[in-house]
Amino acid sequence: MKGNDTKGGTCMPYVTVKMLPGRTVEQKRALIEKVTDAVSETTNAPKENITVFIEEMDATHYGQAGVMHADKK
């Protein structure tokens, strides 16, 4: 059932990658290509059905262990 989910429909994987800004367009292009390849290989979904979103996060919009990421040294 290549490209199908367990109910017989077409797989439409959506992948979101969250990261800090600063990567080049070339790096983002390569990331999208490699993530698409990995998802296709592991889920048997056709590459044409895979969507990859890149969300750039500001360092002031999240924290870890009670510390805003922008405040880490």
PDB file of N, CA and C in Angstrom:
ATOM      1  N   MET A   1       0.826  -1.192   0.000  1.00  0.00           N
ATOM      2  CA  MET A   1       0.000   0.000   0.000  1.00  0.00           C
ATOM      3  C   MET A   1       0.862   1.244   0.000  1.00  0.00           C
ATOM      4  N   LYS A   2       1.849   1.274  -0.839  1.00  0.00           N
ATOM      5  CA  LYS A   2       2.762   2.411  -0.881  1.00  0.00           C
ATOM      6  C   LYS A   2       1.991   3.704  -1.098  1.00  0.00           C
ATOM      7  N   GLY A   3       2.274   4.675  -0.202  1.00  0.00           N
ATOM      8  CA  GLY A   3       1.650   5.981  -0.330  1.00  0.00           C
ATOM      9  C   GLY A   3       0.270   6.071   0.281  1.00  0.00           C
ATOM     10  N   ASN A   4      -0.190   5.001   0.923  1.00  0.00           N
ATOM     11  CA  ASN A   4      -1.524   5.020   1.513  1.00  0.00           C
ATOM     12  C   ASN A   4      -1.438   4.894   3.018  1.00  0.00           C
ATOM     13  N   ASP A   5      -2.428   5.453   3.705  1.00  0.00           N
ATOM     14  CA  ASP A   5      -2.493   5.265   5.143  1.00  0.00           C
ATOM     15  C   ASP A   5      -3.279   3.995   5.441  1.00  0.00           C
ATOM     16  N   THR A   6      -3.500   3.694   6.701  1.00  0.00           N
ATOM     17  CA  THR A   6      -4.149   2.448   7.075  1.00  0.00           C
ATOM     18  C   THR A   6      -5.618   2.401   6.675  1.00  0.00           C
ATOM     19  N   LYS A   7      -6.218   3.524   6.344  1.00  0.00           N
ATOM     20  CA  LYS A   7      -7.617   3.553   5.932  1.00  0.00           C
ATOM     21  C   LYS A   7      -7.768   3.576   4.421  1.00  0.00           C
ATOM     22  N   GLY A   8      -6.657   3.474   3.704  1.00  0.00           N
ATOM     23  CA  GLY A   8      -6.731   3.435   2.249  1.00  0.00           C
ATOM     24  C   GLY A   8      -6.654   4.789   1.577  1.00  0.00           C
ATOM     25  N   GLY A   9      -6.476   5.861   2.342  1.00  0.00           N
ATOM     26  CA  GLY A   9      -6.348   7.188   1.757  1.00  0.00           C
ATOM     27  C   GLY A   9      -4.897   7.499   1.421  1.00  0.00           C
ATOM     28  N   THR A  10      -4.695   8.598   0.753  1.00  0.00           N
ATOM     29  CA  THR A  10      -3.340   8.999   0.387  1.00  0.00           C
ATOM     30  C   THR A  10      -2.664   9.684   1.569  1.00  0.00           C
ATOM     31  N   CYS A  11      -1.419   9.313   1.852  1.00  0.00           N
ATOM     32  CA  CYS A  11      -0.651   9.959   2.924  1.00  0.00           C
ATOM     33  C   CYS A  11      -0.307  11.376   2.508  1.00  0.00           C
ATOM     34  N   MET A  12      -0.514  12.294   3.412  1.00  0.00           N
ATOM     35  CA  MET A  12      -0.182  13.687   3.164  1.00  0.00           C
ATOM     36  C   MET A  12       0.618  14.191   4.354  1.00  0.00           C
ATOM     37  N   PRO A  13       1.830  13.698   4.550  1.00  0.00           N
ATOM     38  CA  PRO A  13       2.597  14.139   5.725  1.00  0.00           C
ATOM     39  C   PRO A  13       2.927  15.632   5.681  1.00  0.00           C
ATOM     40  N   TYR A  14       2.755  16.273   6.834  1.00  0.00           N
ATOM     41  CA  TYR A  14       3.154  17.654   7.034  1.00  0.00           C
ATOM     42  C   TYR A  14       4.207  17.662   8.135  1.00  0.00           C
ATOM     43  N   VAL A  15       5.344  18.300   7.879  1.00  0.00           N
ATOM     44  CA  VAL A  15       6.448  18.338   8.830  1.00  0.00           C
ATOM     45  C   VAL A  15       6.763  19.800   9.116  1.00  0.00           C
ATOM     46  N   THR A  16       6.875  20.128  10.413  1.00  0.00           N
ATOM     47  CA  THR A  16       7.255  21.486  10.798  1.00  0.00           C
ATOM     48  C   THR A  16       8.606  21.439  11.496  1.00  0.00           C
ATOM     49  N   VAL A  17       9.536  22.243  11.012  1.00  0.00           N
ATOM     50  CA  VAL A  17      10.854  22.380  11.619  1.00  0.00           C
ATOM     51  C   VAL A  17      10.919  23.775  12.222  1.00  0.00           C
ATOM     52  N   LYS A  18      11.150  23.838  13.527  1.00  0.00           N
ATOM     53  CA  LYS A  18      11.279  25.135  14.196  1.00  0.00           C
ATOM     54  C   LYS A  18      12.748  25.357  14.518  1.00  0.00           C
ATOM     55  N   MET A  19      13.247  26.545  14.182  1.00  0.00           N
ATOM     56  CA  MET A  19      14.648  26.846  14.447  1.00  0.00           C
ATOM     57  C   MET A  19      14.841  28.350  14.537  1.00  0.00           C
ATOM     58  N   LEU A  20      15.979  28.718  15.086  1.00  0.00           N
ATOM     59  CA  LEU A  20      16.325  30.133  15.164  1.00  0.00           C
ATOM     60  C   LEU A  20      16.704  30.643  13.786  1.00  0.00           C
ATOM     61  N   PRO A  21      16.488  31.927  13.523  1.00  0.00           N
ATOM     62  CA  PRO A  21      16.878  32.507  12.242  1.00  0.00           C
ATOM     63  C   PRO A  21      18.391  32.460  12.052  1.00  0.00           C
ATOM     64  N   GLY A  22      18.805  32.607  10.813  1.00  0.00           N
ATOM     65  CA  GLY A  22      20.228  32.709  10.536  1.00  0.00           C
ATOM     66  C   GLY A  22      20.722  31.746   9.475  1.00  0.00           C
ATOM     67  N   ARG A  23      19.874  30.815   9.054  1.00  0.00           N
ATOM     68  CA  ARG A  23      20.305  29.892   8.009  1.00  0.00           C
ATOM     69  C   ARG A  23      20.117  30.545   6.648  1.00  0.00           C
ATOM     70  N   THR A  24      20.931  30.145   5.711  1.00  0.00           N
ATOM     71  CA  THR A  24      20.838  30.681   4.354  1.00  0.00           C
ATOM     72  C   THR A  24      19.708  29.978   3.607  1.00  0.00           C
ATOM     73  N   VAL A  25      19.321  30.559   2.490  1.00  0.00           N
ATOM     74  CA  VAL A  25      18.317  29.927   1.632  1.00  0.00           C
ATOM     75  C   VAL A  25      18.815  28.560   1.173  1.00  0.00           C
ATOM     76  N   GLU A  26      20.109  28.457   0.877  1.00  0.00           N
ATOM     77  CA  GLU A  26      20.674  27.176   0.441  1.00  0.00           C
ATOM     78  C   GLU A  26      20.553  26.125   1.538  1.00  0.00           C
ATOM     79  N   GLN A  27      20.795  26.498   2.791  1.00  0.00           N
ATOM     80  CA  GLN A  27      20.666  25.561   3.905  1.00  0.00           C
ATOM     81  C   GLN A  27      19.218  25.125   4.088  1.00  0.00           C
ATOM     82  N   LYS A  28      18.295  26.063   3.955  1.00  0.00           N
ATOM     83  CA  LYS A  28      16.878  25.729   4.085  1.00  0.00           C
ATOM     84  C   LYS A  28      16.439  24.812   2.948  1.00  0.00           C
ATOM     85  N   ARG A  29      16.909  25.087   1.758  1.00  0.00           N
ATOM     86  CA  ARG A  29      16.588  24.249   0.596  1.00  0.00           C
ATOM     87  C   ARG A  29      17.068  22.821   0.827  1.00  0.00           C
ATOM     88  N   ALA A  30      18.301  22.678   1.319  1.00  0.00           N
ATOM     89  CA  ALA A  30      18.862  21.350   1.593  1.00  0.00           C
ATOM     90  C   ALA A  30      18.089  20.646   2.703  1.00  0.00           C
ATOM     91  N   LEU A  31      17.700  21.394   3.735  1.00  0.00           N
ATOM     92  CA  LEU A  31      16.922  20.825   4.828  1.00  0.00           C
ATOM     93  C   LEU A  31      15.590  20.279   4.319  1.00  0.00           C
ATOM     94  N   ILE A  32      14.895  21.061   3.521  1.00  0.00           N
ATOM     95  CA  ILE A  32      13.609  20.626   2.966  1.00  0.00           C
ATOM     96  C   ILE A  32      13.790  19.365   2.131  1.00  0.00           C
ATOM     97  N   GLU A  33      14.826  19.333   1.317  1.00  0.00           N
ATOM     98  CA  GLU A  33      15.077  18.159   0.473  1.00  0.00           C
ATOM     99  C   GLU A  33      15.350  16.914   1.311  1.00  0.00           C
ATOM    100  N   LYS A  34      16.211  17.041   2.320  1.00  0.00           N
ATOM    101  CA  LYS A  34      16.584  15.884   3.132  1.00  0.00           C
ATOM    102  C   LYS A  34      15.446  15.409   4.033  1.00  0.00           C
ATOM    103  N   VAL A  35      14.681  16.343   4.587  1.00  0.00           N
ATOM    104  CA  VAL A  35      13.532  15.962   5.410  1.00  0.00           C
ATOM    105  C   VAL A  35      12.502  15.247   4.534  1.00  0.00           C
ATOM    106  N   THR A  36      12.255  15.771   3.352  1.00  0.00           N
ATOM    107  CA  THR A  36      11.322  15.134   2.425  1.00  0.00           C
ATOM    108  C   THR A  36      11.773  13.722   2.090  1.00  0.00           C
ATOM    109  N   ASP A  37      13.052  13.541   1.790  1.00  0.00           N
ATOM    110  CA  ASP A  37      13.580  12.208   1.491  1.00  0.00           C
ATOM    111  C   ASP A  37      13.379  11.255   2.667  1.00  0.00           C
ATOM    112  N   ALA A  38      13.695  11.717   3.882  1.00  0.00           N
ATOM    113  CA  ALA A  38      13.582  10.867   5.068  1.00  0.00           C
ATOM    114  C   ALA A  38      12.130  10.468   5.329  1.00  0.00           C
ATOM    115  N   VAL A  39      11.213  11.411   5.204  1.00  0.00           N
ATOM    116  CA  VAL A  39       9.803  11.111   5.440  1.00  0.00           C
ATOM    117  C   VAL A  39       9.280  10.153   4.373  1.00  0.00           C
ATOM    118  N   SER A  40       9.664  10.367   3.142  1.00  0.00           N
ATOM    119  CA  SER A  40       9.235   9.480   2.064  1.00  0.00           C
ATOM    120  C   SER A  40       9.742   8.060   2.286  1.00  0.00           C
ATOM    121  N   GLU A  41      11.013   7.937   2.669  1.00  0.00           N
ATOM    122  CA  GLU A  41      11.598   6.615   2.890  1.00  0.00           C
ATOM    123  C   GLU A  41      10.952   5.889   4.062  1.00  0.00           C
ATOM    124  N   THR A  42      10.627   6.605   5.131  1.00  0.00           N
ATOM    125  CA  THR A  42      10.117   5.946   6.332  1.00  0.00           C
ATOM    126  C   THR A  42       8.610   5.725   6.318  1.00  0.00           C
ATOM    127  N   THR A  43       7.868   6.523   5.547  1.00  0.00           N
ATOM    128  CA  THR A  43       6.408   6.388   5.536  1.00  0.00           C
ATOM    129  C   THR A  43       5.867   5.834   4.225  1.00  0.00           C
ATOM    130  N   ASN A  44       6.728   5.712   3.240  1.00  0.00           N
ATOM    131  CA  ASN A  44       6.332   5.292   1.891  1.00  0.00           C
ATOM    132  C   ASN A  44       5.399   6.288   1.212  1.00  0.00           C
ATOM    133  N   ALA A  45       5.357   7.506   1.710  1.00  0.00           N
ATOM    134  CA  ALA A  45       4.545   8.546   1.073  1.00  0.00           C
ATOM    135  C   ALA A  45       5.297   9.090  -0.136  1.00  0.00           C
ATOM    136  N   PRO A  46       4.595   9.357  -1.219  1.00  0.00           N
ATOM    137  CA  PRO A  46       5.252   9.973  -2.369  1.00  0.00           C
ATOM    138  C   PRO A  46       5.774  11.368  -1.999  1.00  0.00           C
ATOM    139  N   LYS A  47       6.928  11.714  -2.508  1.00  0.00           N
ATOM    140  CA  LYS A  47       7.511  13.026  -2.207  1.00  0.00           C
ATOM    141  C   LYS A  47       6.560  14.165  -2.560  1.00  0.00           C
ATOM    142  N   GLU A  48       5.760  13.959  -3.594  1.00  0.00           N
ATOM    143  CA  GLU A  48       4.828  15.000  -4.030  1.00  0.00           C
ATOM    144  C   GLU A  48       3.772  15.309  -2.977  1.00  0.00           C
ATOM    145  N   ASN A  49       3.565  14.401  -2.034  1.00  0.00           N
ATOM    146  CA  ASN A  49       2.542  14.587  -1.005  1.00  0.00           C
ATOM    147  C   ASN A  49       3.098  15.139   0.302  1.00  0.00           C
ATOM    148  N   ILE A  50       4.392  15.368   0.378  1.00  0.00           N
ATOM    149  CA  ILE A  50       5.034  15.779   1.629  1.00  0.00           C
ATOM    150  C   ILE A  50       5.258  17.284   1.615  1.00  0.00           C
ATOM    151  N   THR A  51       4.818  17.941   2.682  1.00  0.00           N
ATOM    152  CA  THR A  51       5.004  19.378   2.830  1.00  0.00           C
ATOM    153  C   THR A  51       5.874  19.628   4.055  1.00  0.00           C
ATOM    154  N   VAL A  52       6.901  20.455   3.884  1.00  0.00           N
ATOM    155  CA  VAL A  52       7.797  20.807   4.984  1.00  0.00           C
ATOM    156  C   VAL A  52       7.667  22.305   5.236  1.00  0.00           C
ATOM    157  N   PHE A  53       7.387  22.652   6.484  1.00  0.00           N
ATOM    158  CA  PHE A  53       7.303  24.053   6.904  1.00  0.00           C
ATOM    159  C   PHE A  53       8.535  24.373   7.744  1.00  0.00           C
ATOM    160  N   ILE A  54       9.150  25.511   7.508  1.00  0.00           N
ATOM    161  CA  ILE A  54      10.220  25.996   8.368  1.00  0.00           C
ATOM    162  C   ILE A  54       9.685  27.219   9.096  1.00  0.00           C
ATOM    163  N   GLU A  55       9.676  27.138  10.424  1.00  0.00           N
ATOM    164  CA  GLU A  55       9.241  28.261  11.243  1.00  0.00           C
ATOM    165  C   GLU A  55      10.450  28.805  11.986  1.00  0.00           C
ATOM    166  N   GLU A  56      10.786  30.041  11.723  1.00  0.00           N
ATOM    167  CA  GLU A  56      11.888  30.672  12.427  1.00  0.00           C
ATOM    168  C   GLU A  56      11.357  31.320  13.691  1.00  0.00           C
ATOM    169  N   MET A  57      11.986  30.990  14.798  1.00  0.00           N
ATOM    170  CA  MET A  57      11.539  31.470  16.101  1.00  0.00           C
ATOM    171  C   MET A  57      12.499  32.530  16.632  1.00  0.00           C
ATOM    172  N   ASP A  58      11.947  33.572  17.180  1.00  0.00           N
ATOM    173  CA  ASP A  58      12.755  34.591  17.824  1.00  0.00           C
ATOM    174  C   ASP A  58      13.229  34.059  19.176  1.00  0.00           C
ATOM    175  N   ALA A  59      14.438  34.351  19.533  1.00  0.00           N
ATOM    176  CA  ALA A  59      15.011  33.854  20.791  1.00  0.00           C
ATOM    177  C   ALA A  59      14.297  34.396  22.022  1.00  0.00           C
ATOM    178  N   THR A  60      13.466  35.424  21.846  1.00  0.00           N
ATOM    179  CA  THR A  60      12.694  35.951  22.981  1.00  0.00           C
ATOM    180  C   THR A  60      11.324  35.293  23.096  1.00  0.00           C
ATOM    181  N   HIS A  61      11.026  34.354  22.223  1.00  0.00           N
ATOM    182  CA  HIS A  61       9.712  33.728  22.205  1.00  0.00           C
ATOM    183  C   HIS A  61       9.672  32.375  22.890  1.00  0.00           C
ATOM    184  N   TYR A  62      10.770  31.935  23.479  1.00  0.00           N
ATOM    185  CA  TYR A  62      10.756  30.661  24.209  1.00  0.00           C
ATOM    186  C   TYR A  62      11.902  30.616  25.202  1.00  0.00           C
ATOM    187  N   GLY A  63      11.769  29.701  26.131  1.00  0.00           N
ATOM    188  CA  GLY A  63      12.808  29.521  27.132  1.00  0.00           C
ATOM    189  C   GLY A  63      12.906  28.063  27.527  1.00  0.00           C
ATOM    190  N   GLN A  64      13.940  27.761  28.263  1.00  0.00           N
ATOM    191  CA  GLN A  64      14.172  26.406  28.748  1.00  0.00           C
ATOM    192  C   GLN A  64      14.672  26.487  30.180  1.00  0.00           C
ATOM    193  N   ALA A  65      14.154  25.619  31.033  1.00  0.00           N
ATOM    194  CA  ALA A  65      14.546  25.578  32.442  1.00  0.00           C
ATOM    195  C   ALA A  65      14.325  26.932  33.129  1.00  0.00           C
ATOM    196  N   GLY A  66      13.274  27.634  32.713  1.00  0.00           N
ATOM    197  CA  GLY A  66      12.935  28.901  33.334  1.00  0.00           C
ATOM    198  C   GLY A  66      13.716  30.096  32.854  1.00  0.00           C
ATOM    199  N   VAL A  67      14.525  29.931  31.822  1.00  0.00           N
ATOM    200  CA  VAL A  67      15.358  31.020  31.309  1.00  0.00           C
ATOM    201  C   VAL A  67      15.036  31.267  29.850  1.00  0.00           C
ATOM    202  N   MET A  68      14.754  32.526  29.520  1.00  0.00           N
ATOM    203  CA  MET A  68      14.519  32.878  28.125  1.00  0.00           C
ATOM    204  C   MET A  68      15.776  32.572  27.316  1.00  0.00           C
ATOM    205  N   HIS A  69      15.587  31.998  26.148  1.00  0.00           N
ATOM    206  CA  HIS A  69      16.742  31.618  25.325  1.00  0.00           C
ATOM    207  C   HIS A  69      17.634  32.818  25.006  1.00  0.00           C
ATOM    208  N   ALA A  70      17.024  33.974  24.771  1.00  0.00           N
ATOM    209  CA  ALA A  70      17.811  35.172  24.466  1.00  0.00           C
ATOM    210  C   ALA A  70      18.703  35.594  25.610  1.00  0.00           C
ATOM    211  N   ASP A  71      18.374  35.179  26.842  1.00  0.00           N
ATOM    212  CA  ASP A  71      19.168  35.555  28.020  1.00  0.00           C
ATOM    213  C   ASP A  71      20.308  34.584  28.309  1.00  0.00           C
ATOM    214  N   LYS A  72      20.342  33.468  27.599  1.00  0.00           N
ATOM    215  CA  LYS A  72      21.418  32.494  27.841  1.00  0.00           C
ATOM    216  C   LYS A  72      22.727  33.039  27.318  1.00  0.00           C
ATOM    217  N   LYS A  73      23.769  32.751  28.038  1.00  0.00           N
ATOM    218  CA  LYS A  73      25.094  33.244  27.624  1.00  0.00           C
ATOM    219  C   LYS A  73      25.959  32.116  27.169  1.00  0.00           C
TER     220      LYS A  73
END
